[in-house]
Amino acid sequence: MPQVPLKIHARQQVSLKVAPRKEQGKGPVGQMRRVHGQLPGVIYGHKQDVECIKTDAHSLERILSKGGQNAIILIEHEESSKESEQALIREIQYHKVSGDAMHLDLLRIDPTETLRANVPIITVGVPEGVRTEGGSLQQALTALEMECVVSEMPSAVEIDITSLQIGDSLHVSDLIEQEPRITSEGVRTVANVLVPRLIVDDEAGDEEEEAEAEAEADGEDAAAADGEGGEE
């Protein structure tokens, strides 16, 4: 199978202003969201105490709309005595009905430390086996585990799957040759192109017909044998 082109998307850095949060409990926090448009959250990591913070909900939405989910967040504290620090978005909790962000978890990072994290896979192009032969693409893996310095951790790995033919399977090992920072198991399948279902069904139908024909022939032979035995 020919080598598929691979492209690394650099992780961007965006700023987010936060303030200390005194509001606790469902009532005060709910009012903080509704009246002031503030989103509650926490910052933790690096053996420091968990810090309760709040930030402007619209500011976070703008960051997320531009791919900020995988960005390095530069936290700018409202308190002038606190220095800015870097973090990653660890988790965002959303409302089950409205889909609005309800809570934000930020993980402190040191940009010089080595980190192992899952990086999303982006596939581009239509496989040749799908476009010209009616096959179907099956993507088995949506993220790759990578290990590198935090400041160099990609936001996504883009794979061009245009060259894949029917029966081709792309494995992690095929990508490690181009990107040695990938630590996912090499035997894992990233994507493959399956034989068209119509062909599979036709082949199965042919096999069933052959089996039925053989069964009928066996039945006729058995009947003939019984008839001969009865005449004796």
C-alpha atoms as a PDB file:
ATOM      1  CA  MET A   1       0.000   0.000   0.000  1.00  0.00           C
ATOM      2  CA  PRO A   2       1.415   3.438  -0.919  1.00  0.00           C
ATOM      3  CA  GLN A   3       2.412   5.810   1.876  1.00  0.00           C
ATOM      4  CA  VAL A   4      -0.396   8.207   2.786  1.00  0.00           C
ATOM      5  CA  PRO A   5       0.461  11.906   3.164  1.00  0.00           C
ATOM      6  CA  LEU A   6       0.420  13.074   6.781  1.00  0.00           C
ATOM      7  CA  LYS A   7       0.191  16.672   8.011  1.00  0.00           C
ATOM      8  CA  ILE A   8       0.653  17.939  11.565  1.00  0.00           C
ATOM      9  CA  HIS A   9      -1.546  20.830  12.764  1.00  0.00           C
ATOM     10  CA  ALA A  10       0.263  23.027  15.275  1.00  0.00           C
ATOM     11  CA  ARG A  11      -1.498  23.788  18.542  1.00  0.00           C
ATOM     12  CA  GLN A  12      -2.450  27.453  18.796  1.00  0.00           C
ATOM     13  CA  GLN A  13      -2.283  29.565  21.946  1.00  0.00           C
ATOM     14  CA  VAL A  14      -5.255  31.668  23.054  1.00  0.00           C
ATOM     15  CA  SER A  15      -5.816  33.942  26.040  1.00  0.00           C
ATOM     16  CA  LEU A  16      -8.642  33.553  28.552  1.00  0.00           C
ATOM     17  CA  LYS A  17      -9.326  36.009  31.349  1.00  0.00           C
ATOM     18  CA  VAL A  18     -10.471  34.504  34.630  1.00  0.00           C
ATOM     19  CA  ALA A  19     -11.455  35.812  38.062  1.00  0.00           C
ATOM     20  CA  PRO A  20     -11.582  34.094  41.463  1.00  0.00           C
ATOM     21  CA  ARG A  21     -14.969  32.539  42.197  1.00  0.00           C
ATOM     22  CA  LYS A  22     -16.647  32.772  45.584  1.00  0.00           C
ATOM     23  CA  GLU A  23     -20.033  31.541  44.365  1.00  0.00           C
ATOM     24  CA  GLN A  24     -20.703  27.985  45.493  1.00  0.00           C
ATOM     25  CA  GLY A  25     -23.820  25.831  45.328  1.00  0.00           C
ATOM     26  CA  LYS A  26     -26.505  25.404  42.702  1.00  0.00           C
ATOM     27  CA  GLY A  27     -28.392  28.638  43.428  1.00  0.00           C
ATOM     28  CA  PRO A  28     -25.546  31.191  43.453  1.00  0.00           C
ATOM     29  CA  VAL A  29     -23.730  29.517  40.558  1.00  0.00           C
ATOM     30  CA  GLY A  30     -26.939  29.353  38.504  1.00  0.00           C
ATOM     31  CA  GLN A  31     -27.578  33.040  39.071  1.00  0.00           C
ATOM     32  CA  MET A  32     -23.983  33.816  38.132  1.00  0.00           C
ATOM     33  CA  ARG A  33     -24.561  32.099  34.772  1.00  0.00           C
ATOM     34  CA  ARG A  34     -27.985  33.594  34.029  1.00  0.00           C
ATOM     35  CA  VAL A  35     -27.508  37.167  35.256  1.00  0.00           C
ATOM     36  CA  HIS A  36     -23.813  37.809  34.668  1.00  0.00           C
ATOM     37  CA  GLY A  37     -23.039  35.408  31.821  1.00  0.00           C
ATOM     38  CA  GLN A  38     -20.195  33.880  33.798  1.00  0.00           C
ATOM     39  CA  LEU A  39     -19.092  30.262  33.470  1.00  0.00           C
ATOM     40  CA  PRO A  40     -17.792  28.490  36.595  1.00  0.00           C
ATOM     41  CA  GLY A  41     -14.640  26.408  36.449  1.00  0.00           C
ATOM     42  CA  VAL A  42     -11.570  25.122  38.245  1.00  0.00           C
ATOM     43  CA  ILE A  43      -7.833  25.152  37.630  1.00  0.00           C
ATOM     44  CA  TYR A  44      -5.699  22.332  39.005  1.00  0.00           C
ATOM     45  CA  GLY A  45      -2.455  20.454  38.449  1.00  0.00           C
ATOM     46  CA  HIS A  46       1.264  20.713  39.159  1.00  0.00           C
ATOM     47  CA  LYS A  47       0.742  19.890  42.814  1.00  0.00           C
ATOM     48  CA  GLN A  48      -1.000  23.199  43.416  1.00  0.00           C
ATOM     49  CA  ASP A  49      -4.304  23.666  45.206  1.00  0.00           C
ATOM     50  CA  VAL A  50      -7.481  23.534  43.152  1.00  0.00           C
ATOM     51  CA  GLU A  51      -8.557  27.078  42.338  1.00  0.00           C
ATOM     52  CA  CYS A  52     -12.203  27.982  41.724  1.00  0.00           C
ATOM     53  CA  ILE A  53     -12.537  30.483  38.879  1.00  0.00           C
ATOM     54  CA  LYS A  54     -15.131  32.059  36.615  1.00  0.00           C
ATOM     55  CA  THR A  55     -14.830  33.397  33.099  1.00  0.00           C
ATOM     56  CA  ASP A  56     -16.989  35.112  30.501  1.00  0.00           C
ATOM     57  CA  ALA A  57     -19.097  32.420  28.798  1.00  0.00           C
ATOM     58  CA  HIS A  58     -19.132  34.224  25.431  1.00  0.00           C
ATOM     59  CA  SER A  59     -15.341  34.539  25.441  1.00  0.00           C
ATOM     60  CA  LEU A  60     -15.025  30.793  25.897  1.00  0.00           C
ATOM     61  CA  GLU A  61     -17.564  30.135  23.132  1.00  0.00           C
ATOM     62  CA  ARG A  62     -15.530  32.264  20.725  1.00  0.00           C
ATOM     63  CA  ILE A  63     -12.385  30.307  21.608  1.00  0.00           C
ATOM     64  CA  LEU A  64     -14.122  26.964  21.097  1.00  0.00           C
ATOM     65  CA  SER A  65     -15.644  28.049  17.769  1.00  0.00           C
ATOM     66  CA  LYS A  66     -12.115  28.634  16.445  1.00  0.00           C
ATOM     67  CA  GLY A  67     -10.801  25.230  17.487  1.00  0.00           C
ATOM     68  CA  GLY A  68      -9.698  26.279  20.950  1.00  0.00           C
ATOM     69  CA  GLN A  69     -10.685  22.936  22.485  1.00  0.00           C
ATOM     70  CA  ASN A  70      -7.165  21.717  21.651  1.00  0.00           C
ATOM     71  CA  ALA A  71      -5.343  25.019  22.130  1.00  0.00           C
ATOM     72  CA  ILE A  72      -2.899  25.988  24.844  1.00  0.00           C
ATOM     73  CA  ILE A  73      -4.829  28.368  27.090  1.00  0.00           C
ATOM     74  CA  LEU A  74      -2.934  31.373  28.440  1.00  0.00           C
ATOM     75  CA  ILE A  75      -4.767  32.146  31.662  1.00  0.00           C
ATOM     76  CA  GLU A  76      -4.798  35.851  32.501  1.00  0.00           C
ATOM     77  CA  HIS A  77      -5.825  36.380  36.120  1.00  0.00           C
ATOM     78  CA  GLU A  78      -7.928  39.373  37.072  1.00  0.00           C
ATOM     79  CA  GLU A  79      -5.813  39.726  40.205  1.00  0.00           C
ATOM     80  CA  SER A  80      -2.781  41.794  39.275  1.00  0.00           C
ATOM     81  CA  SER A  81      -0.681  39.961  41.858  1.00  0.00           C
ATOM     82  CA  LYS A  82      -1.004  36.656  39.996  1.00  0.00           C
ATOM     83  CA  GLU A  83       1.125  35.881  36.975  1.00  0.00           C
ATOM     84  CA  SER A  84      -0.339  34.393  33.813  1.00  0.00           C
ATOM     85  CA  GLU A  85      -0.074  30.634  33.462  1.00  0.00           C
ATOM     86  CA  GLN A  86      -0.657  28.057  30.762  1.00  0.00           C
ATOM     87  CA  ALA A  87      -3.234  25.293  30.778  1.00  0.00           C
ATOM     88  CA  LEU A  88      -5.111  22.791  28.638  1.00  0.00           C
ATOM     89  CA  ILE A  89      -8.875  22.325  28.574  1.00  0.00           C
ATOM     90  CA  ARG A  90      -9.343  19.063  30.418  1.00  0.00           C
ATOM     91  CA  GLU A  91     -13.130  18.870  30.334  1.00  0.00           C
ATOM     92  CA  ILE A  92     -16.191  20.947  29.521  1.00  0.00           C
ATOM     93  CA  GLN A  93     -19.538  19.894  30.954  1.00  0.00           C
ATOM     94  CA  TYR A  94     -22.571  20.744  28.834  1.00  0.00           C
ATOM     95  CA  HIS A  95     -26.287  21.048  29.611  1.00  0.00           C
ATOM     96  CA  LYS A  96     -28.079  17.910  28.424  1.00  0.00           C
ATOM     97  CA  VAL A  97     -30.952  19.848  26.820  1.00  0.00           C
ATOM     98  CA  SER A  98     -29.678  23.275  25.760  1.00  0.00           C
ATOM     99  CA  GLY A  99     -26.116  22.187  24.985  1.00  0.00           C
ATOM    100  CA  ASP A 100     -24.716  25.261  26.772  1.00  0.00           C
ATOM    101  CA  ALA A 101     -21.367  24.971  28.558  1.00  0.00           C
ATOM    102  CA  MET A 102     -21.943  24.550  32.293  1.00  0.00           C
ATOM    103  CA  HIS A 103     -18.491  24.006  33.796  1.00  0.00           C
ATOM    104  CA  LEU A 104     -14.867  24.261  32.720  1.00  0.00           C
ATOM    105  CA  ASP A 105     -11.884  22.216  33.951  1.00  0.00           C
ATOM    106  CA  LEU A 106      -8.408  23.574  33.196  1.00  0.00           C
ATOM    107  CA  LEU A 107      -5.186  21.611  33.724  1.00  0.00           C
ATOM    108  CA  ARG A 108      -2.047  23.612  34.485  1.00  0.00           C
ATOM    109  CA  ILE A 109       0.935  22.767  32.284  1.00  0.00           C
ATOM    110  CA  ASP A 110       4.618  23.566  32.022  1.00  0.00           C
ATOM    111  CA  PRO A 111       5.307  24.192  28.300  1.00  0.00           C
ATOM    112  CA  THR A 112       8.724  22.534  28.665  1.00  0.00           C
ATOM    113  CA  GLU A 113       7.453  19.270  30.179  1.00  0.00           C
ATOM    114  CA  THR A 114       6.835  16.083  28.229  1.00  0.00           C
ATOM    115  CA  LEU A 115       3.210  15.061  27.988  1.00  0.00           C
ATOM    116  CA  ARG A 116       1.378  12.055  26.531  1.00  0.00           C
ATOM    117  CA  ALA A 117      -2.043  12.933  25.116  1.00  0.00           C
ATOM    118  CA  ASN A 118      -4.629  11.880  22.530  1.00  0.00           C
ATOM    119  CA  VAL A 119      -4.546  13.943  19.337  1.00  0.00           C
ATOM    120  CA  PRO A 120      -7.605  13.927  17.012  1.00  0.00           C
ATOM    121  CA  ILE A 121      -7.302  12.400  13.539  1.00  0.00           C
ATOM    122  CA  ILE A 122      -8.620  14.370  10.570  1.00  0.00           C
ATOM    123  CA  THR A 123      -9.103  12.422   7.329  1.00  0.00           C
ATOM    124  CA  VAL A 124      -9.235  14.276   4.011  1.00  0.00           C
ATOM    125  CA  GLY A 125     -10.076  13.088   0.522  1.00  0.00           C
ATOM    126  CA  VAL A 126     -12.311  10.319  -0.798  1.00  0.00           C
ATOM    127  CA  PRO A 127     -10.595   6.922  -1.107  1.00  0.00           C
ATOM    128  CA  GLU A 128     -10.112   5.704  -4.687  1.00  0.00           C
ATOM    129  CA  GLY A 129     -11.810   2.447  -3.743  1.00  0.00           C
ATOM    130  CA  VAL A 130     -14.900   4.369  -2.631  1.00  0.00           C
ATOM    131  CA  ARG A 131     -14.977   6.846  -5.501  1.00  0.00           C
ATOM    132  CA  THR A 132     -14.474   4.446  -8.416  1.00  0.00           C
ATOM    133  CA  GLU A 133     -15.377   0.981  -7.106  1.00  0.00           C
ATOM    134  CA  GLY A 134     -18.250   1.628  -4.714  1.00  0.00           C
ATOM    135  CA  GLY A 135     -16.428   0.521  -1.576  1.00  0.00           C
ATOM    136  CA  SER A 136     -17.153   1.945   1.853  1.00  0.00           C
ATOM    137  CA  LEU A 137     -14.742   3.664   4.211  1.00  0.00           C
ATOM    138  CA  GLN A 138     -14.556   2.442   7.790  1.00  0.00           C
ATOM    139  CA  GLN A 139     -12.605   4.623  10.233  1.00  0.00           C
ATOM    140  CA  ALA A 140     -11.709   2.592  13.293  1.00  0.00           C
ATOM    141  CA  LEU A 141      -9.564   5.163  15.080  1.00  0.00           C
ATOM    142  CA  THR A 142     -10.409   8.827  15.716  1.00  0.00           C
ATOM    143  CA  ALA A 143      -7.366   9.846  17.780  1.00  0.00           C
ATOM    144  CA  LEU A 144      -3.679   8.985  18.113  1.00  0.00           C
ATOM    145  CA  GLU A 145      -1.712   8.902  21.338  1.00  0.00           C
ATOM    146  CA  MET A 146       1.393  11.089  21.070  1.00  0.00           C
ATOM    147  CA  GLU A 147       4.205  11.988  23.441  1.00  0.00           C
ATOM    148  CA  CYS A 148       6.250  15.164  23.165  1.00  0.00           C
ATOM    149  CA  VAL A 149       7.023  18.515  24.774  1.00  0.00           C
ATOM    150  CA  VAL A 150       3.753  20.275  25.607  1.00  0.00           C
ATOM    151  CA  SER A 151       4.559  23.361  23.564  1.00  0.00           C
ATOM    152  CA  GLU A 152       4.997  21.131  20.477  1.00  0.00           C
ATOM    153  CA  MET A 153       1.954  18.897  21.017  1.00  0.00           C
ATOM    154  CA  PRO A 154      -0.138  18.993  17.787  1.00  0.00           C
ATOM    155  CA  SER A 155      -3.814  19.947  17.827  1.00  0.00           C
ATOM    156  CA  ALA A 156      -4.609  17.354  15.130  1.00  0.00           C
ATOM    157  CA  VAL A 157      -3.053  14.871  12.714  1.00  0.00           C
ATOM    158  CA  GLU A 158      -4.356  15.172   9.154  1.00  0.00           C
ATOM    159  CA  ILE A 159      -4.232  12.079   6.928  1.00  0.00           C
ATOM    160  CA  ASP A 160      -4.909  12.096   3.181  1.00  0.00           C
ATOM    161  CA  ILE A 161      -6.713   8.801   2.434  1.00  0.00           C
ATOM    162  CA  THR A 162      -7.331   9.458  -1.276  1.00  0.00           C
ATOM    163  CA  SER A 163      -5.028   6.640  -2.426  1.00  0.00           C
ATOM    164  CA  LEU A 164      -6.741   3.848  -0.464  1.00  0.00           C
ATOM    165  CA  GLN A 165      -8.102   1.051  -2.667  1.00  0.00           C
ATOM    166  CA  ILE A 166     -10.665  -1.652  -1.850  1.00  0.00           C
ATOM    167  CA  GLY A 167      -9.110  -4.032   0.651  1.00  0.00           C
ATOM    168  CA  ASP A 168      -6.492  -1.527   1.831  1.00  0.00           C
ATOM    169  CA  SER A 169      -6.041  -1.125   5.587  1.00  0.00           C
ATOM    170  CA  LEU A 170      -4.152   1.797   7.080  1.00  0.00           C
ATOM    171  CA  HIS A 171      -2.430   0.973  10.371  1.00  0.00           C
ATOM    172  CA  VAL A 172      -0.776   3.143  13.010  1.00  0.00           C
ATOM    173  CA  SER A 173       2.572   1.598  12.010  1.00  0.00           C
ATOM    174  CA  ASP A 174       2.166   3.200   8.556  1.00  0.00           C
ATOM    175  CA  LEU A 175       2.025   6.613  10.246  1.00  0.00           C
ATOM    176  CA  ILE A 176       4.817   6.090  12.791  1.00  0.00           C
ATOM    177  CA  GLU A 177       7.290   5.982   9.909  1.00  0.00           C
ATOM    178  CA  GLN A 178       6.456   9.628   9.224  1.00  0.00           C
ATOM    179  CA  GLU A 179       5.704  10.767  12.795  1.00  0.00           C
ATOM    180  CA  PRO A 180       7.793   8.925  15.443  1.00  0.00           C
ATOM    181  CA  ARG A 181       6.128  10.844  18.309  1.00  0.00           C
ATOM    182  CA  ILE A 182       3.052   8.614  17.896  1.00  0.00           C
ATOM    183  CA  THR A 183       2.875   6.113  20.773  1.00  0.00           C
ATOM    184  CA  SER A 184      -0.340   4.249  19.874  1.00  0.00           C
ATOM    185  CA  GLU A 185       0.139   0.526  19.177  1.00  0.00           C
ATOM    186  CA  GLY A 186       1.348   0.027  15.617  1.00  0.00           C
ATOM    187  CA  VAL A 187      -0.976  -2.902  14.928  1.00  0.00           C
ATOM    188  CA  ARG A 188      -4.113  -0.835  15.444  1.00  0.00           C
ATOM    189  CA  THR A 189      -6.170  -0.114  12.326  1.00  0.00           C
ATOM    190  CA  VAL A 190      -6.827   3.541  11.532  1.00  0.00           C
ATOM    191  CA  ALA A 191      -9.078   3.061   8.508  1.00  0.00           C
ATOM    192  CA  ASN A 192      -9.871   0.555   5.766  1.00  0.00           C
ATOM    193  CA  VAL A 193     -11.912   0.366   2.589  1.00  0.00           C
ATOM    194  CA  LEU A 194     -14.481  -2.418   2.560  1.00  0.00           C
ATOM    195  CA  VAL A 195     -15.786  -4.399  -0.419  1.00  0.00           C
ATOM    196  CA  PRO A 196     -19.156  -3.071  -1.698  1.00  0.00           C
ATOM    197  CA  ARG A 197     -22.036  -4.662   0.185  1.00  0.00           C
ATOM    198  CA  LEU A 198     -23.837  -5.552  -3.051  1.00  0.00           C
ATOM    199  CA  ILE A 199     -20.946  -7.744  -4.140  1.00  0.00           C
ATOM    200  CA  VAL A 200     -20.766  -9.386  -0.732  1.00  0.00           C
ATOM    201  CA  ASP A 201     -24.516 -10.085  -0.810  1.00  0.00           C
ATOM    202  CA  ASP A 202     -24.295 -11.501  -4.340  1.00  0.00           C
ATOM    203  CA  GLU A 203     -21.455 -13.819  -3.353  1.00  0.00           C
ATOM    204  CA  ALA A 204     -23.386 -14.948  -0.288  1.00  0.00           C
ATOM    205  CA  GLY A 205     -26.443 -15.533  -2.468  1.00  0.00           C
ATOM    206  CA  ASP A 206     -24.418 -17.610  -4.928  1.00  0.00           C
ATOM    207  CA  GLU A 207     -23.050 -19.721  -2.082  1.00  0.00           C
ATOM    208  CA  GLU A 208     -26.576 -20.286  -0.749  1.00  0.00           C
ATOM    209  CA  GLU A 209     -27.828 -21.315  -4.196  1.00  0.00           C
ATOM    210  CA  GLU A 210     -24.922 -23.739  -4.593  1.00  0.00           C
ATOM    211  CA  ALA A 211     -25.626 -25.205  -1.152  1.00  0.00           C
ATOM    212  CA  GLU A 212     -29.321 -25.604  -1.989  1.00  0.00           C
ATOM    213  CA  ALA A 213     -28.507 -27.255  -5.312  1.00  0.00           C
ATOM    214  CA  GLU A 214     -26.144 -29.681  -3.599  1.00  0.00           C
ATOM    215  CA  ALA A 215     -28.791 -30.486  -0.959  1.00  0.00           C
ATOM    216  CA  GLU A 216     -31.388 -31.159  -3.661  1.00  0.00           C
ATOM    217  CA  ALA A 217     -28.968 -33.399  -5.545  1.00  0.00           C
ATOM    218  CA  ASP A 218     -28.148 -35.302  -2.363  1.00  0.00           C
ATOM    219  CA  GLY A 219     -31.880 -35.695  -1.684  1.00  0.00           C
ATOM    220  CA  GLU A 220     -32.527 -37.060  -5.162  1.00  0.00           C
ATOM    221  CA  ASP A 221     -29.652 -39.517  -4.837  1.00  0.00           C
ATOM    222  CA  ALA A 222     -30.974 -40.673  -1.466  1.00  0.00           C
ATOM    223  CA  ALA A 223     -34.487 -41.132  -2.862  1.00  0.00           C
ATOM    224  CA  ALA A 224     -33.182 -43.132  -5.813  1.00  0.00           C
ATOM    225  CA  ALA A 225     -31.200 -45.336  -3.462  1.00  0.00           C
ATOM    226  CA  ASP A 226     -34.278 -45.976  -1.320  1.00  0.00           C
ATOM    227  CA  GLY A 227     -36.304 -46.866  -4.403  1.00  0.00           C
ATOM    228  CA  GLU A 228     -33.746 -49.397  -5.525  1.00  0.00           C
ATOM    229  CA  GLY A 229     -33.673 -50.936  -2.069  1.00  0.00           C
ATOM    230  CA  GLY A 230     -37.470 -51.272  -2.024  1.00  0.00           C
ATOM    231  CA  GLU A 231     -37.553 -53.174  -5.341  1.00  0.00           C
ATOM    232  CA  GLU A 232     -35.327 -55.886  -3.928  1.00  0.00           C
END
